[in-house]
Amino acid sequence: MEDKKTKVPKVLKFIFFALVFSFICLYFASKTGYYTKIISRNTYLTSEAIVAFEKDISEGKRVDIKDYIKTPKKDYRNFCAEVGYKISDGIDKLLNDGVVWILKILKSLFS
């Protein structure tokens, strides 16, 4: 009898190496504290903000958390987004006006 070698398909090898590479990347990211840094940057009140908050509380002022947290507002507008919005708005107007127009015709026919 012949001894048959099992061949692993190239797709399975690629998936295996991709999983190993992903694991290594995530492992080093967790060991270097990358995720902790990102999370703490998003939820961290600076010591100055805490002092200002406590001062306002002790003075009896009205407080709002938005006054103490500085969150940069990202602008995601670009050419593609504007074109997509205009196309969507045009389709919306066309369909709404078209339905109203068809309803007017049906109303006039059956009244």
PDB file of N, CA and C in Angstrom:
ATOM      1  N   MET A   1       0.827  -1.169   0.000  1.00  0.00           N
ATOM      2  CA  MET A   1       0.000   0.000   0.000  1.00  0.00           C
ATOM      3  C   MET A   1       0.876   1.238   0.000  1.00  0.00           C
ATOM      4  N   GLU A   2       0.342   2.223  -0.640  1.00  0.00           N
ATOM      5  CA  GLU A   2       1.070   3.485  -0.711  1.00  0.00           C
ATOM      6  C   GLU A   2       0.709   4.356   0.486  1.00  0.00           C
ATOM      7  N   ASP A   3       1.688   5.093   0.955  1.00  0.00           N
ATOM      8  CA  ASP A   3       1.473   5.996   2.084  1.00  0.00           C
ATOM      9  C   ASP A   3       1.066   7.362   1.515  1.00  0.00           C
ATOM     10  N   LYS A   4      -0.177   7.760   1.709  1.00  0.00           N
ATOM     11  CA  LYS A   4      -0.681   9.020   1.158  1.00  0.00           C
ATOM     12  C   LYS A   4      -0.407  10.156   2.121  1.00  0.00           C
ATOM     13  N   LYS A   5       0.106  11.248   1.593  1.00  0.00           N
ATOM     14  CA  LYS A   5       0.320  12.443   2.394  1.00  0.00           C
ATOM     15  C   LYS A   5      -0.922  13.314   2.311  1.00  0.00           C
ATOM     16  N   THR A   6      -1.330  13.840   3.447  1.00  0.00           N
ATOM     17  CA  THR A   6      -2.493  14.720   3.432  1.00  0.00           C
ATOM     18  C   THR A   6      -2.041  16.119   3.054  1.00  0.00           C
ATOM     19  N   LYS A   7      -2.710  16.697   2.130  1.00  0.00           N
ATOM     20  CA  LYS A   7      -2.391  18.058   1.700  1.00  0.00           C
ATOM     21  C   LYS A   7      -3.374  19.028   2.332  1.00  0.00           C
ATOM     22  N   VAL A   8      -2.812  20.037   2.967  1.00  0.00           N
ATOM     23  CA  VAL A   8      -3.648  21.068   3.567  1.00  0.00           C
ATOM     24  C   VAL A   8      -3.889  22.124   2.497  1.00  0.00           C
ATOM     25  N   PRO A   9      -5.152  22.442   2.239  1.00  0.00           N
ATOM     26  CA  PRO A   9      -5.430  23.453   1.212  1.00  0.00           C
ATOM     27  C   PRO A   9      -4.798  24.804   1.570  1.00  0.00           C
ATOM     28  N   LYS A  10      -4.496  25.566   0.543  1.00  0.00           N
ATOM     29  CA  LYS A  10      -3.863  26.878   0.731  1.00  0.00           C
ATOM     30  C   LYS A  10      -4.746  27.820   1.532  1.00  0.00           C
ATOM     31  N   VAL A  11      -6.040  27.686   1.396  1.00  0.00           N
ATOM     32  CA  VAL A  11      -6.967  28.554   2.118  1.00  0.00           C
ATOM     33  C   VAL A  11      -6.852  28.321   3.619  1.00  0.00           C
ATOM     34  N   LEU A  12      -6.745  27.064   4.019  1.00  0.00           N
ATOM     35  CA  LEU A  12      -6.625  26.758   5.447  1.00  0.00           C
ATOM     36  C   LEU A  12      -5.303  27.267   6.003  1.00  0.00           C
ATOM     37  N   LYS A  13      -4.233  27.165   5.223  1.00  0.00           N
ATOM     38  CA  LYS A  13      -2.944  27.704   5.658  1.00  0.00           C
ATOM     39  C   LYS A  13      -3.033  29.214   5.838  1.00  0.00           C
ATOM     40  N   PHE A  14      -3.682  29.876   4.886  1.00  0.00           N
ATOM     41  CA  PHE A  14      -3.828  31.328   4.964  1.00  0.00           C
ATOM     42  C   PHE A  14      -4.635  31.720   6.202  1.00  0.00           C
ATOM     43  N   ILE A  15      -5.726  31.021   6.460  1.00  0.00           N
ATOM     44  CA  ILE A  15      -6.557  31.318   7.631  1.00  0.00           C
ATOM     45  C   ILE A  15      -5.761  31.096   8.915  1.00  0.00           C
ATOM     46  N   PHE A  16      -5.005  30.010   8.970  1.00  0.00           N
ATOM     47  CA  PHE A  16      -4.199  29.718  10.153  1.00  0.00           C
ATOM     48  C   PHE A  16      -3.175  30.817  10.406  1.00  0.00           C
ATOM     49  N   PHE A  17      -2.429  31.201   9.372  1.00  0.00           N
ATOM     50  CA  PHE A  17      -1.421  32.242   9.547  1.00  0.00           C
ATOM     51  C   PHE A  17      -2.050  33.600   9.866  1.00  0.00           C
ATOM     52  N   ALA A  18      -3.221  33.888   9.312  1.00  0.00           N
ATOM     53  CA  ALA A  18      -3.908  35.141   9.621  1.00  0.00           C
ATOM     54  C   ALA A  18      -4.340  35.162  11.085  1.00  0.00           C
ATOM     55  N   LEU A  19      -4.823  34.036  11.595  1.00  0.00           N
ATOM     56  CA  LEU A  19      -5.215  33.957  12.998  1.00  0.00           C
ATOM     57  C   LEU A  19      -4.014  34.083  13.926  1.00  0.00           C
ATOM     58  N   VAL A  20      -2.904  33.451  13.571  1.00  0.00           N
ATOM     59  CA  VAL A  20      -1.694  33.562  14.388  1.00  0.00           C
ATOM     60  C   VAL A  20      -1.195  34.998  14.392  1.00  0.00           C
ATOM     61  N   PHE A  21      -1.182  35.633  13.225  1.00  0.00           N
ATOM     62  CA  PHE A  21      -0.732  37.027  13.126  1.00  0.00           C
ATOM     63  C   PHE A  21      -1.649  37.948  13.939  1.00  0.00           C
ATOM     64  N   SER A  22      -2.951  37.736  13.858  1.00  0.00           N
ATOM     65  CA  SER A  22      -3.902  38.548  14.629  1.00  0.00           C
ATOM     66  C   SER A  22      -3.691  38.356  16.121  1.00  0.00           C
ATOM     67  N   PHE A  23      -3.458  37.114  16.527  1.00  0.00           N
ATOM     68  CA  PHE A  23      -3.218  36.845  17.936  1.00  0.00           C
ATOM     69  C   PHE A  23      -1.964  37.561  18.429  1.00  0.00           C
ATOM     70  N   ILE A  24      -0.900  37.512  17.644  1.00  0.00           N
ATOM     71  CA  ILE A  24       0.350  38.169  18.037  1.00  0.00           C
ATOM     72  C   ILE A  24       0.148  39.679  18.142  1.00  0.00           C
ATOM     73  N   CYS A  25      -0.542  40.263  17.181  1.00  0.00           N
ATOM     74  CA  CYS A  25      -0.798  41.710  17.224  1.00  0.00           C
ATOM     75  C   CYS A  25      -1.623  42.090  18.451  1.00  0.00           C
ATOM     76  N   LEU A  26      -2.677  41.354  18.718  1.00  0.00           N
ATOM     77  CA  LEU A  26      -3.521  41.652  19.876  1.00  0.00           C
ATOM     78  C   LEU A  26      -2.785  41.416  21.188  1.00  0.00           C
ATOM     79  N   TYR A  27      -1.927  40.413  21.225  1.00  0.00           N
ATOM     80  CA  TYR A  27      -1.154  40.139  22.426  1.00  0.00           C
ATOM     81  C   TYR A  27      -0.220  41.305  22.747  1.00  0.00           C
ATOM     82  N   PHE A  28       0.510  41.778  21.741  1.00  0.00           N
ATOM     83  CA  PHE A  28       1.415  42.898  21.977  1.00  0.00           C
ATOM     84  C   PHE A  28       0.661  44.189  22.280  1.00  0.00           C
ATOM     85  N   ALA A  29      -0.495  44.365  21.664  1.00  0.00           N
ATOM     86  CA  ALA A  29      -1.298  45.556  21.961  1.00  0.00           C
ATOM     87  C   ALA A  29      -1.769  45.538  23.410  1.00  0.00           C
ATOM     88  N   SER A  30      -2.133  44.372  23.913  1.00  0.00           N
ATOM     89  CA  SER A  30      -2.581  44.301  25.302  1.00  0.00           C
ATOM     90  C   SER A  30      -1.416  44.452  26.268  1.00  0.00           C
ATOM     91  N   LYS A  31      -0.246  43.925  25.925  1.00  0.00           N
ATOM     92  CA  LYS A  31       0.919  44.027  26.812  1.00  0.00           C
ATOM     93  C   LYS A  31       1.472  45.450  26.861  1.00  0.00           C
ATOM     94  N   THR A  32       1.352  46.203  25.774  1.00  0.00           N
ATOM     95  CA  THR A  32       1.865  47.573  25.772  1.00  0.00           C
ATOM     96  C   THR A  32       0.873  48.560  26.356  1.00  0.00           C
ATOM     97  N   GLY A  33      -0.351  48.134  26.621  1.00  0.00           N
ATOM     98  CA  GLY A  33      -1.337  49.016  27.238  1.00  0.00           C
ATOM     99  C   GLY A  33      -2.046  49.914  26.246  1.00  0.00           C
ATOM    100  N   TYR A  34      -2.056  49.547  24.991  1.00  0.00           N
ATOM    101  CA  TYR A  34      -2.689  50.376  23.960  1.00  0.00           C
ATOM    102  C   TYR A  34      -4.174  50.544  24.226  1.00  0.00           C
ATOM    103  N   TYR A  35      -4.880  49.443  24.495  1.00  0.00           N
ATOM    104  CA  TYR A  35      -6.323  49.522  24.697  1.00  0.00           C
ATOM    105  C   TYR A  35      -6.658  50.303  25.957  1.00  0.00           C
ATOM    106  N   THR A  36      -5.880  50.111  27.003  1.00  0.00           N
ATOM    107  CA  THR A  36      -6.115  50.842  28.242  1.00  0.00           C
ATOM    108  C   THR A  36      -5.942  52.334  28.012  1.00  0.00           C
ATOM    109  N   LYS A  37      -4.947  52.687  27.221  1.00  0.00           N
ATOM    110  CA  LYS A  37      -4.701  54.093  26.920  1.00  0.00           C
ATOM    111  C   LYS A  37      -5.865  54.699  26.146  1.00  0.00           C
ATOM    112  N   ILE A  38      -6.359  53.999  25.160  1.00  0.00           N
ATOM    113  CA  ILE A  38      -7.471  54.505  24.349  1.00  0.00           C
ATOM    114  C   ILE A  38      -8.723  54.666  25.214  1.00  0.00           C
ATOM    115  N   ILE A  39      -9.020  53.675  26.033  1.00  0.00           N
ATOM    116  CA  ILE A  39     -10.214  53.746  26.875  1.00  0.00           C
ATOM    117  C   ILE A  39     -10.086  54.857  27.900  1.00  0.00           C
ATOM    118  N   SER A  40      -8.912  54.959  28.533  1.00  0.00           N
ATOM    119  CA  SER A  40      -8.762  55.985  29.564  1.00  0.00           C
ATOM    120  C   SER A  40      -8.766  57.380  28.969  1.00  0.00           C
ATOM    121  N   ARG A  41      -8.272  57.532  27.744  1.00  0.00           N
ATOM    122  CA  ARG A  41      -8.293  58.846  27.108  1.00  0.00           C
ATOM    123  C   ARG A  41      -9.728  59.294  26.842  1.00  0.00           C
ATOM    124  N   ASN A  42     -10.595  58.354  26.534  1.00  0.00           N
ATOM    125  CA  ASN A  42     -11.984  58.702  26.239  1.00  0.00           C
ATOM    126  C   ASN A  42     -12.820  58.940  27.493  1.00  0.00           C
ATOM    127  N   THR A  43     -12.415  58.396  28.632  1.00  0.00           N
ATOM    128  CA  THR A  43     -13.254  58.486  29.824  1.00  0.00           C
ATOM    129  C   THR A  43     -12.584  59.177  30.991  1.00  0.00           C
ATOM    130  N   TYR A  44     -11.484  59.792  30.781  1.00  0.00           N
ATOM    131  CA  TYR A  44     -10.691  60.333  31.878  1.00  0.00           C
ATOM    132  C   TYR A  44     -10.965  61.817  32.077  1.00  0.00           C
ATOM    133  N   LEU A  45     -11.287  62.183  33.298  1.00  0.00           N
ATOM    134  CA  LEU A  45     -11.397  63.596  33.656  1.00  0.00           C
ATOM    135  C   LEU A  45     -10.041  64.043  34.184  1.00  0.00           C
ATOM    136  N   THR A  46      -9.535  65.106  33.675  1.00  0.00           N
ATOM    137  CA  THR A  46      -8.252  65.579  34.167  1.00  0.00           C
ATOM    138  C   THR A  46      -8.394  66.114  35.587  1.00  0.00           C
ATOM    139  N   SER A  47      -7.288  66.191  36.263  1.00  0.00           N
ATOM    140  CA  SER A  47      -7.334  66.650  37.651  1.00  0.00           C
ATOM    141  C   SER A  47      -7.815  68.101  37.733  1.00  0.00           C
ATOM    142  N   GLU A  48      -7.486  68.886  36.701  1.00  0.00           N
ATOM    143  CA  GLU A  48      -7.972  70.269  36.689  1.00  0.00           C
ATOM    144  C   GLU A  48      -9.487  70.323  36.569  1.00  0.00           C
ATOM    145  N   ALA A  49     -10.044  69.457  35.760  1.00  0.00           N
ATOM    146  CA  ALA A  49     -11.496  69.427  35.590  1.00  0.00           C
ATOM    147  C   ALA A  49     -12.177  68.975  36.878  1.00  0.00           C
ATOM    148  N   ILE A  50     -11.561  68.041  37.574  1.00  0.00           N
ATOM    149  CA  ILE A  50     -12.133  67.573  38.836  1.00  0.00           C
ATOM    150  C   ILE A  50     -12.118  68.697  39.874  1.00  0.00           C
ATOM    151  N   VAL A  51     -10.994  69.434  39.936  1.00  0.00           N
ATOM    152  CA  VAL A  51     -10.893  70.547  40.883  1.00  0.00           C
ATOM    153  C   VAL A  51     -11.929  71.622  40.554  1.00  0.00           C
ATOM    154  N   ALA A  52     -12.073  71.938  39.258  1.00  0.00           N
ATOM    155  CA  ALA A  52     -13.052  72.944  38.858  1.00  0.00           C
ATOM    156  C   ALA A  52     -14.469  72.477  39.168  1.00  0.00           C
ATOM    157  N   PHE A  53     -14.740  71.202  38.970  1.00  0.00           N
ATOM    158  CA  PHE A  53     -16.059  70.641  39.263  1.00  0.00           C
ATOM    159  C   PHE A  53     -16.366  70.752  40.751  1.00  0.00           C
ATOM    160  N   GLU A  54     -15.413  70.339  41.576  1.00  0.00           N
ATOM    161  CA  GLU A  54     -15.630  70.403  43.018  1.00  0.00           C
ATOM    162  C   GLU A  54     -15.780  71.839  43.507  1.00  0.00           C
ATOM    163  N   LYS A  55     -15.044  72.758  42.894  1.00  0.00           N
ATOM    164  CA  LYS A  55     -15.153  74.176  43.271  1.00  0.00           C
ATOM    165  C   LYS A  55     -16.547  74.706  42.935  1.00  0.00           C
ATOM    166  N   ASP A  56     -17.045  74.370  41.752  1.00  0.00           N
ATOM    167  CA  ASP A  56     -18.374  74.821  41.356  1.00  0.00           C
ATOM    168  C   ASP A  56     -19.455  74.213  42.247  1.00  0.00           C
ATOM    169  N   ILE A  57     -19.279  72.977  42.651  1.00  0.00           N
ATOM    170  CA  ILE A  57     -20.243  72.333  43.550  1.00  0.00           C
ATOM    171  C   ILE A  57     -20.251  73.052  44.897  1.00  0.00           C
ATOM    172  N   SER A  58     -19.042  73.348  45.418  1.00  0.00           N
ATOM    173  CA  SER A  58     -18.977  73.988  46.741  1.00  0.00           C
ATOM    174  C   SER A  58     -19.540  75.406  46.714  1.00  0.00           C
ATOM    175  N   GLU A  59     -19.446  76.083  45.549  1.00  0.00           N
ATOM    176  CA  GLU A  59     -19.993  77.428  45.425  1.00  0.00           C
ATOM    177  C   GLU A  59     -21.493  77.413  45.145  1.00  0.00           C
ATOM    178  N   GLY A  60     -22.047  76.245  44.876  1.00  0.00           N
ATOM    179  CA  GLY A  60     -23.483  76.123  44.650  1.00  0.00           C
ATOM    180  C   GLY A  60     -23.901  76.458  43.228  1.00  0.00           C
ATOM    181  N   LYS A  61     -22.965  76.474  42.306  1.00  0.00           N
ATOM    182  CA  LYS A  61     -23.314  76.750  40.911  1.00  0.00           C
ATOM    183  C   LYS A  61     -23.985  75.529  40.287  1.00  0.00           C
ATOM    184  N   ARG A  62     -24.726  75.795  39.225  1.00  0.00           N
ATOM    185  CA  ARG A  62     -25.300  74.694  38.458  1.00  0.00           C
ATOM    186  C   ARG A  62     -24.175  74.068  37.647  1.00  0.00           C
ATOM    187  N   VAL A  63     -24.104  72.772  37.646  1.00  0.00           N
ATOM    188  CA  VAL A  63     -23.021  72.090  36.938  1.00  0.00           C
ATOM    189  C   VAL A  63     -23.586  71.236  35.820  1.00  0.00           C
ATOM    190  N   ASP A  64     -22.803  71.153  34.768  1.00  0.00           N
ATOM    191  CA  ASP A  64     -23.132  70.307  33.633  1.00  0.00           C
ATOM    192  C   ASP A  64     -21.838  69.608  33.229  1.00  0.00           C
ATOM    193  N   ILE A  65     -21.914  68.317  33.024  1.00  0.00           N
ATOM    194  CA  ILE A  65     -20.718  67.542  32.723  1.00  0.00           C
ATOM    195  C   ILE A  65     -20.061  67.992  31.424  1.00  0.00           C
ATOM    196  N   LYS A  66     -20.855  68.548  30.512  1.00  0.00           N
ATOM    197  CA  LYS A  66     -20.301  69.009  29.239  1.00  0.00           C
ATOM    198  C   LYS A  66     -19.325  70.165  29.419  1.00  0.00           C
ATOM    199  N   ASP A  67     -19.441  70.881  30.529  1.00  0.00           N
ATOM    200  CA  ASP A  67     -18.524  71.982  30.781  1.00  0.00           C
ATOM    201  C   ASP A  67     -17.141  71.505  31.207  1.00  0.00           C
ATOM    202  N   TYR A  68     -17.029  70.265  31.665  1.00  0.00           N
ATOM    203  CA  TYR A  68     -15.778  69.768  32.219  1.00  0.00           C
ATOM    204  C   TYR A  68     -15.068  68.761  31.325  1.00  0.00           C
ATOM    205  N   ILE A  69     -15.789  68.191  30.401  1.00  0.00           N
ATOM    206  CA  ILE A  69     -15.195  67.205  29.502  1.00  0.00           C
ATOM    207  C   ILE A  69     -14.979  67.867  28.147  1.00  0.00           C
ATOM    208  N   LYS A  70     -13.782  67.806  27.680  1.00  0.00           N
ATOM    209  CA  LYS A  70     -13.447  68.363  26.366  1.00  0.00           C
ATOM    210  C   LYS A  70     -13.435  67.225  25.349  1.00  0.00           C
ATOM    211  N   THR A  71     -14.466  67.181  24.524  1.00  0.00           N
ATOM    212  CA  THR A  71     -14.526  66.153  23.499  1.00  0.00           C
ATOM    213  C   THR A  71     -14.435  66.824  22.132  1.00  0.00           C
ATOM    214  N   PRO A  72     -13.423  66.480  21.375  1.00  0.00           N
ATOM    215  CA  PRO A  72     -13.320  67.082  20.039  1.00  0.00           C
ATOM    216  C   PRO A  72     -14.413  66.540  19.131  1.00  0.00           C
ATOM    217  N   LYS A  73     -15.025  67.427  18.393  1.00  0.00           N
ATOM    218  CA  LYS A  73     -16.091  67.023  17.485  1.00  0.00           C
ATOM    219  C   LYS A  73     -15.467  66.774  16.113  1.00  0.00           C
ATOM    220  N   LYS A  74     -15.609  65.564  15.631  1.00  0.00           N
ATOM    221  CA  LYS A  74     -15.016  65.199  14.354  1.00  0.00           C
ATOM    222  C   LYS A  74     -15.967  65.556  13.224  1.00  0.00           C
ATOM    223  N   ASP A  75     -15.401  66.031  12.154  1.00  0.00           N
ATOM    224  CA  ASP A  75     -16.179  66.395  10.981  1.00  0.00           C
ATOM    225  C   ASP A  75     -15.936  65.338   9.911  1.00  0.00           C
ATOM    226  N   TYR A  76     -16.954  64.573   9.598  1.00  0.00           N
ATOM    227  CA  TYR A  76     -16.820  63.488   8.647  1.00  0.00           C
ATOM    228  C   TYR A  76     -17.319  63.863   7.246  1.00  0.00           C
ATOM    229  N   ARG A  77     -17.598  65.132   7.045  1.00  0.00           N
ATOM    230  CA  ARG A  77     -18.096  65.542   5.740  1.00  0.00           C
ATOM    231  C   ARG A  77     -16.962  65.520   4.720  1.00  0.00           C
ATOM    232  N   ASN A  78     -17.259  64.988   3.556  1.00  0.00           N
ATOM    233  CA  ASN A  78     -16.346  65.035   2.434  1.00  0.00           C
ATOM    234  C   ASN A  78     -17.182  65.008   1.162  1.00  0.00           C
ATOM    235  N   PHE A  79     -16.525  64.954   0.045  1.00  0.00           N
ATOM    236  CA  PHE A  79     -17.216  65.023  -1.231  1.00  0.00           C
ATOM    237  C   PHE A  79     -18.197  63.860  -1.399  1.00  0.00           C
ATOM    238  N   CYS A  80     -17.760  62.657  -1.083  1.00  0.00           N
ATOM    239  CA  CYS A  80     -18.624  61.479  -1.262  1.00  0.00           C
ATOM    240  C   CYS A  80     -19.855  61.553  -0.358  1.00  0.00           C
ATOM    241  N   ALA A  81     -19.669  62.003   0.877  1.00  0.00           N
ATOM    242  CA  ALA A  81     -20.792  62.106   1.795  1.00  0.00           C
ATOM    243  C   ALA A  81     -21.801  63.139   1.304  1.00  0.00           C
ATOM    244  N   GLU A  82     -21.303  64.266   0.802  1.00  0.00           N
ATOM    245  CA  GLU A  82     -22.198  65.304   0.288  1.00  0.00           C
ATOM    246  C   GLU A  82     -22.978  64.805  -0.927  1.00  0.00           C
ATOM    247  N   VAL A  83     -22.301  64.116  -1.832  1.00  0.00           N
ATOM    248  CA  VAL A  83     -22.981  63.586  -3.019  1.00  0.00           C
ATOM    249  C   VAL A  83     -24.017  62.543  -2.596  1.00  0.00           C
ATOM    250  N   GLY A  84     -23.651  61.668  -1.677  1.00  0.00           N
ATOM    251  CA  GLY A  84     -24.600  60.661  -1.194  1.00  0.00           C
ATOM    252  C   GLY A  84     -25.812  61.296  -0.540  1.00  0.00           C
ATOM    253  N   TYR A  85     -25.582  62.353   0.241  1.00  0.00           N
ATOM    254  CA  TYR A  85     -26.703  63.045   0.888  1.00  0.00           C
ATOM    255  C   TYR A  85     -27.618  63.674  -0.153  1.00  0.00           C
ATOM    256  N   LYS A  86     -27.034  64.318  -1.164  1.00  0.00           N
ATOM    257  CA  LYS A  86     -27.856  64.960  -2.194  1.00  0.00           C
ATOM    258  C   LYS A  86     -28.658  63.936  -2.982  1.00  0.00           C
ATOM    259  N   ILE A  87     -28.048  62.801  -3.300  1.00  0.00           N
ATOM    260  CA  ILE A  87     -28.769  61.749  -4.026  1.00  0.00           C
ATOM    261  C   ILE A  87     -29.898  61.206  -3.158  1.00  0.00           C
ATOM    262  N   SER A  88     -29.610  60.949  -1.896  1.00  0.00           N
ATOM    263  CA  SER A  88     -30.633  60.440  -0.978  1.00  0.00           C
ATOM    264  C   SER A  88     -31.768  61.434  -0.811  1.00  0.00           C
ATOM    265  N   ASP A  89     -31.422  62.700  -0.673  1.00  0.00           N
ATOM    266  CA  ASP A  89     -32.444  63.737  -0.525  1.00  0.00           C
ATOM    267  C   ASP A  89     -33.301  63.838  -1.787  1.00  0.00           C
ATOM    268  N   GLY A  90     -32.664  63.737  -2.950  1.00  0.00           N
ATOM    269  CA  GLY A  90     -33.407  63.783  -4.214  1.00  0.00           C
ATOM    270  C   GLY A  90     -34.368  62.620  -4.358  1.00  0.00           C
ATOM    271  N   ILE A  91     -33.906  61.425  -4.011  1.00  0.00           N
ATOM    272  CA  ILE A  91     -34.773  60.246  -4.077  1.00  0.00           C
ATOM    273  C   ILE A  91     -35.929  60.391  -3.103  1.00  0.00           C
ATOM    274  N   ASP A  92     -35.648  60.901  -1.915  1.00  0.00           N
ATOM    275  CA  ASP A  92     -36.694  61.100  -0.908  1.00  0.00           C
ATOM    276  C   ASP A  92     -37.762  62.060  -1.416  1.00  0.00           C
ATOM    277  N   LYS A  93     -37.340  63.182  -1.975  1.00  0.00           N
ATOM    278  CA  LYS A  93     -38.309  64.157  -2.493  1.00  0.00           C
ATOM    279  C   LYS A  93     -39.094  63.583  -3.663  1.00  0.00           C
ATOM    280  N   LEU A  94     -38.401  62.869  -4.546  1.00  0.00           N
ATOM    281  CA  LEU A  94     -39.065  62.278  -5.704  1.00  0.00           C
ATOM    282  C   LEU A  94     -40.129  61.278  -5.267  1.00  0.00           C
ATOM    283  N   LEU A  95     -39.783  60.409  -4.330  1.00  0.00           N
ATOM    284  CA  LEU A  95     -40.756  59.406  -3.895  1.00  0.00           C
ATOM    285  C   LEU A  95     -41.910  60.033  -3.127  1.00  0.00           C
ATOM    286  N   ASN A  96     -41.615  60.974  -2.239  1.00  0.00           N
ATOM    287  CA  ASN A  96     -42.689  61.611  -1.479  1.00  0.00           C
ATOM    288  C   ASN A  96     -43.616  62.404  -2.388  1.00  0.00           C
ATOM    289  N   ASP A  97     -43.039  63.202  -3.276  1.00  0.00           N
ATOM    290  CA  ASP A  97     -43.875  63.974  -4.199  1.00  0.00           C
ATOM    291  C   ASP A  97     -44.613  63.060  -5.171  1.00  0.00           C
ATOM    292  N   GLY A  98     -43.967  61.967  -5.569  1.00  0.00           N
ATOM    293  CA  GLY A  98     -44.614  61.015  -6.482  1.00  0.00           C
ATOM    294  C   GLY A  98     -45.804  60.341  -5.839  1.00  0.00           C
ATOM    295  N   VAL A  99     -45.672  59.951  -4.597  1.00  0.00           N
ATOM    296  CA  VAL A  99     -46.787  59.311  -3.886  1.00  0.00           C
ATOM    297  C   VAL A  99     -47.929  60.303  -3.704  1.00  0.00           C
ATOM    298  N   VAL A 100     -47.600  61.542  -3.342  1.00  0.00           N
ATOM    299  CA  VAL A 100     -48.639  62.566  -3.183  1.00  0.00           C
ATOM    300  C   VAL A 100     -49.349  62.793  -4.517  1.00  0.00           C
ATOM    301  N   TRP A 101     -48.603  62.846  -5.599  1.00  0.00           N
ATOM    302  CA  TRP A 101     -49.179  63.058  -6.920  1.00  0.00           C
ATOM    303  C   TRP A 101     -50.090  61.898  -7.311  1.00  0.00           C
ATOM    304  N   ILE A 102     -49.652  60.657  -7.063  1.00  0.00           N
ATOM    305  CA  ILE A 102     -50.478  59.486  -7.384  1.00  0.00           C
ATOM    306  C   ILE A 102     -51.738  59.471  -6.525  1.00  0.00           C
ATOM    307  N   LEU A 103     -51.621  59.837  -5.250  1.00  0.00           N
ATOM    308  CA  LEU A 103     -52.791  59.886  -4.392  1.00  0.00           C
ATOM    309  C   LEU A 103     -53.773  60.939  -4.849  1.00  0.00           C
ATOM    310  N   LYS A 104     -53.281  62.082  -5.329  1.00  0.00           N
ATOM    311  CA  LYS A 104     -54.179  63.127  -5.860  1.00  0.00           C
ATOM    312  C   LYS A 104     -54.939  62.606  -7.076  1.00  0.00           C
ATOM    313  N   ILE A 105     -54.246  61.892  -7.947  1.00  0.00           N
ATOM    314  CA  ILE A 105     -54.899  61.341  -9.141  1.00  0.00           C
ATOM    315  C   ILE A 105     -55.954  60.314  -8.746  1.00  0.00           C
ATOM    316  N   LEU A 106     -55.607  59.421  -7.824  1.00  0.00           N
ATOM    317  CA  LEU A 106     -56.571  58.413  -7.378  1.00  0.00           C
ATOM    318  C   LEU A 106     -57.760  59.053  -6.675  1.00  0.00           C
ATOM    319  N   LYS A 107     -57.512  60.113  -5.920  1.00  0.00           N
ATOM    320  CA  LYS A 107     -58.583  60.818  -5.224  1.00  0.00           C
ATOM    321  C   LYS A 107     -59.534  61.468  -6.220  1.00  0.00           C
ATOM    322  N   SER A 108     -58.951  62.050  -7.267  1.00  0.00           N
ATOM    323  CA  SER A 108     -59.804  62.696  -8.264  1.00  0.00           C
ATOM    324  C   SER A 108     -60.589  61.673  -9.080  1.00  0.00           C
ATOM    325  N   LEU A 109     -60.032  60.491  -9.288  1.00  0.00           N
ATOM    326  CA  LEU A 109     -60.733  59.466 -10.042  1.00  0.00           C
ATOM    327  C   LEU A 109     -61.900  58.861  -9.271  1.00  0.00           C
ATOM    328  N   PHE A 110     -61.741  58.709  -7.950  1.00  0.00           N
ATOM    329  CA  PHE A 110     -62.754  58.023  -7.169  1.00  0.00           C
ATOM    330  C   PHE A 110     -63.642  58.957  -6.360  1.00  0.00           C
ATOM    331  N   SER A 111     -63.541  60.239  -6.569  1.00  0.00           N
ATOM    332  CA  SER A 111     -64.414  61.118  -5.797  1.00  0.00           C
ATOM    333  C   SER A 111     -65.565  61.636  -6.627  1.00  0.00           C
TER     334      SER A 111
END
